[in-house]
């Protein structure tokens, strides 16, 4: 049974998030990316508090493909320090897991 990773990353605009998402899916680094536009992010950056609207990407991949996905995401990302947080779900619906594994297979 493969381990799933949910990867979170924010982008400055929906168009950029969609562009990166398409590359990641086309290259089989992930099975799916959900884009949630209009996320309000309040954070500290370069000594100041920022308040921006961003697009949140929820990226579904396997543990096996995670390192390649992370490297590619960082190379495509417009931010100097991209958000890259990987979560490991404890339960995944078996048919969904099978689809995810098949969608990221490189053979």
C-alpha atoms as a PDB file:
ATOM      1  CA  UNK A   1       0.000   0.000   0.000  1.00  0.00           C
ATOM      2  CA  UNK A   2       1.475   3.360  -1.059  1.00  0.00           C
ATOM      3  CA  UNK A   3       1.778   6.289   1.317  1.00  0.00           C
ATOM      4  CA  UNK A   4      -0.050   9.451   0.267  1.00  0.00           C
ATOM      5  CA  UNK A   5       1.293  12.962   0.700  1.00  0.00           C
ATOM      6  CA  UNK A   6      -0.871  16.077   0.670  1.00  0.00           C
ATOM      7  CA  UNK A   7       1.348  19.004  -0.196  1.00  0.00           C
ATOM      8  CA  UNK A   8       0.295  22.576   0.560  1.00  0.00           C
ATOM      9  CA  UNK A   9       1.702  25.565  -1.294  1.00  0.00           C
ATOM     10  CA  UNK A  10       0.497  29.136  -1.833  1.00  0.00           C
ATOM     11  CA  UNK A  11       0.864  31.234  -4.985  1.00  0.00           C
ATOM     12  CA  UNK A  12       0.497  34.955  -5.692  1.00  0.00           C
ATOM     13  CA  UNK A  13      -2.165  34.471  -8.390  1.00  0.00           C
ATOM     14  CA  UNK A  14      -4.587  31.792  -9.626  1.00  0.00           C
ATOM     15  CA  UNK A  15      -3.024  31.817 -13.106  1.00  0.00           C
ATOM     16  CA  UNK A  16       0.461  31.002 -11.783  1.00  0.00           C
ATOM     17  CA  UNK A  17      -0.933  28.294  -9.501  1.00  0.00           C
ATOM     18  CA  UNK A  18      -2.782  26.707 -12.458  1.00  0.00           C
ATOM     19  CA  UNK A  19       0.328  26.884 -14.652  1.00  0.00           C
ATOM     20  CA  UNK A  20       2.434  25.066 -12.048  1.00  0.00           C
ATOM     21  CA  UNK A  21      -0.361  22.576 -11.280  1.00  0.00           C
ATOM     22  CA  UNK A  22      -0.646  21.582 -14.939  1.00  0.00           C
ATOM     23  CA  UNK A  23       3.100  20.924 -15.176  1.00  0.00           C
ATOM     24  CA  UNK A  24       3.077  18.797 -12.025  1.00  0.00           C
ATOM     25  CA  UNK A  25       0.143  16.695 -13.262  1.00  0.00           C
ATOM     26  CA  UNK A  26       1.488  16.405 -16.821  1.00  0.00           C
ATOM     27  CA  UNK A  27       4.840  15.194 -15.477  1.00  0.00           C
ATOM     28  CA  UNK A  28       3.060  12.623 -13.259  1.00  0.00           C
ATOM     29  CA  UNK A  29       4.569  14.141 -10.122  1.00  0.00           C
ATOM     30  CA  UNK A  30       1.080  14.283  -8.646  1.00  0.00           C
ATOM     31  CA  UNK A  31      -2.356  12.953  -9.468  1.00  0.00           C
ATOM     32  CA  UNK A  32      -4.369  16.066  -8.733  1.00  0.00           C
ATOM     33  CA  UNK A  33      -4.094  19.678  -7.587  1.00  0.00           C
ATOM     34  CA  UNK A  34      -7.006  21.546  -6.006  1.00  0.00           C
ATOM     35  CA  UNK A  35      -6.732  25.334  -6.259  1.00  0.00           C
ATOM     36  CA  UNK A  36      -8.458  27.487  -3.698  1.00  0.00           C
ATOM     37  CA  UNK A  37      -8.362  31.119  -4.824  1.00  0.00           C
ATOM     38  CA  UNK A  38      -8.839  34.094  -2.552  1.00  0.00           C
ATOM     39  CA  UNK A  39      -7.055  32.727   0.495  1.00  0.00           C
ATOM     40  CA  UNK A  40      -6.071  35.546   2.816  1.00  0.00           C
ATOM     41  CA  UNK A  41      -2.557  35.111   4.192  1.00  0.00           C
ATOM     42  CA  UNK A  42      -1.213  37.172   7.071  1.00  0.00           C
ATOM     43  CA  UNK A  43       2.460  36.477   7.662  1.00  0.00           C
ATOM     44  CA  UNK A  44       5.779  37.989   8.660  1.00  0.00           C
ATOM     45  CA  UNK A  45       8.240  38.595   5.810  1.00  0.00           C
ATOM     46  CA  UNK A  46      11.454  40.623   5.858  1.00  0.00           C
ATOM     47  CA  UNK A  47      10.657  42.185   9.219  1.00  0.00           C
ATOM     48  CA  UNK A  48       7.139  43.351   8.381  1.00  0.00           C
ATOM     49  CA  UNK A  49       3.660  41.869   8.680  1.00  0.00           C
ATOM     50  CA  UNK A  50       2.071  41.289   5.280  1.00  0.00           C
ATOM     51  CA  UNK A  51      -1.598  40.770   4.456  1.00  0.00           C
ATOM     52  CA  UNK A  52      -2.096  39.339   0.964  1.00  0.00           C
ATOM     53  CA  UNK A  53      -4.564  37.394  -1.127  1.00  0.00           C
ATOM     54  CA  UNK A  54      -3.083  34.156  -2.454  1.00  0.00           C
ATOM     55  CA  UNK A  55      -4.158  30.911  -4.101  1.00  0.00           C
ATOM     56  CA  UNK A  56      -3.716  27.746  -2.049  1.00  0.00           C
ATOM     57  CA  UNK A  57      -2.726  24.588  -3.895  1.00  0.00           C
ATOM     58  CA  UNK A  58      -3.519  21.202  -2.336  1.00  0.00           C
ATOM     59  CA  UNK A  59      -1.379  18.702  -4.207  1.00  0.00           C
ATOM     60  CA  UNK A  60      -1.934  14.919  -3.985  1.00  0.00           C
ATOM     61  CA  UNK A  61       1.030  12.643  -4.555  1.00  0.00           C
ATOM     62  CA  UNK A  62       2.704   9.519  -3.207  1.00  0.00           C
ATOM     63  CA  UNK A  63       5.637   9.302  -0.812  1.00  0.00           C
ATOM     64  CA  UNK A  64       7.601   7.744  -3.678  1.00  0.00           C
ATOM     65  CA  UNK A  65       7.060  10.796  -5.931  1.00  0.00           C
ATOM     66  CA  UNK A  66       7.307  13.433  -3.164  1.00  0.00           C
ATOM     67  CA  UNK A  67      10.999  14.349  -3.481  1.00  0.00           C
ATOM     68  CA  UNK A  68      10.789  14.811  -7.252  1.00  0.00           C
ATOM     69  CA  UNK A  69       7.581  16.812  -6.837  1.00  0.00           C
ATOM     70  CA  UNK A  70       9.164  19.039  -4.173  1.00  0.00           C
ATOM     71  CA  UNK A  71      12.215  19.765  -6.341  1.00  0.00           C
ATOM     72  CA  UNK A  72      10.074  20.592  -9.383  1.00  0.00           C
ATOM     73  CA  UNK A  73       7.643  22.719  -7.385  1.00  0.00           C
ATOM     74  CA  UNK A  74      10.491  24.768  -5.947  1.00  0.00           C
ATOM     75  CA  UNK A  75      12.047  25.219  -9.406  1.00  0.00           C
ATOM     76  CA  UNK A  76       8.740  26.491 -10.869  1.00  0.00           C
ATOM     77  CA  UNK A  77       7.582  28.589  -7.921  1.00  0.00           C
ATOM     78  CA  UNK A  78       7.744  32.393  -8.176  1.00  0.00           C
ATOM     79  CA  UNK A  79       8.375  32.980  -4.449  1.00  0.00           C
ATOM     80  CA  UNK A  80      11.862  33.329  -3.004  1.00  0.00           C
ATOM     81  CA  UNK A  81      10.806  30.980  -0.188  1.00  0.00           C
ATOM     82  CA  UNK A  82       7.890  28.836  -1.416  1.00  0.00           C
ATOM     83  CA  UNK A  83       5.542  27.217   1.053  1.00  0.00           C
ATOM     84  CA  UNK A  84       6.022  23.463   0.867  1.00  0.00           C
ATOM     85  CA  UNK A  85       4.302  21.508   3.618  1.00  0.00           C
ATOM     86  CA  UNK A  86       3.693  17.776   3.236  1.00  0.00           C
ATOM     87  CA  UNK A  87       1.063  16.005   5.315  1.00  0.00           C
ATOM     88  CA  UNK A  88       0.655  12.242   5.624  1.00  0.00           C
ATOM     89  CA  UNK A  89      -2.982  11.150   5.851  1.00  0.00           C
ATOM     90  CA  UNK A  90      -3.623   8.090   7.968  1.00  0.00           C
ATOM     91  CA  UNK A  91      -6.642   6.854   6.004  1.00  0.00           C
ATOM     92  CA  UNK A  92      -7.289   7.047   2.266  1.00  0.00           C
ATOM     93  CA  UNK A  93     -10.232   5.486   0.412  1.00  0.00           C
ATOM     94  CA  UNK A  94      -8.744   2.413  -1.328  1.00  0.00           C
ATOM     95  CA  UNK A  95     -10.138   3.107  -4.830  1.00  0.00           C
ATOM     96  CA  UNK A  96      -8.903   6.719  -4.632  1.00  0.00           C
ATOM     97  CA  UNK A  97      -5.481   5.508  -3.522  1.00  0.00           C
ATOM     98  CA  UNK A  98      -5.324   3.087  -6.466  1.00  0.00           C
ATOM     99  CA  UNK A  99      -6.177   5.937  -8.866  1.00  0.00           C
ATOM    100  CA  UNK A 100      -3.573   8.204  -7.266  1.00  0.00           C
ATOM    101  CA  UNK A 101      -0.846   5.558  -7.559  1.00  0.00           C
ATOM    102  CA  UNK A 102      -1.777   4.794 -11.190  1.00  0.00           C
ATOM    103  CA  UNK A 103      -1.816   8.511 -12.040  1.00  0.00           C
ATOM    104  CA  UNK A 104       1.710   9.049 -10.727  1.00  0.00           C
ATOM    105  CA  UNK A 105       3.243   5.860 -12.107  1.00  0.00           C
ATOM    106  CA  UNK A 106       6.203   6.459 -14.380  1.00  0.00           C
ATOM    107  CA  UNK A 107       6.250   3.049 -16.090  1.00  0.00           C
END
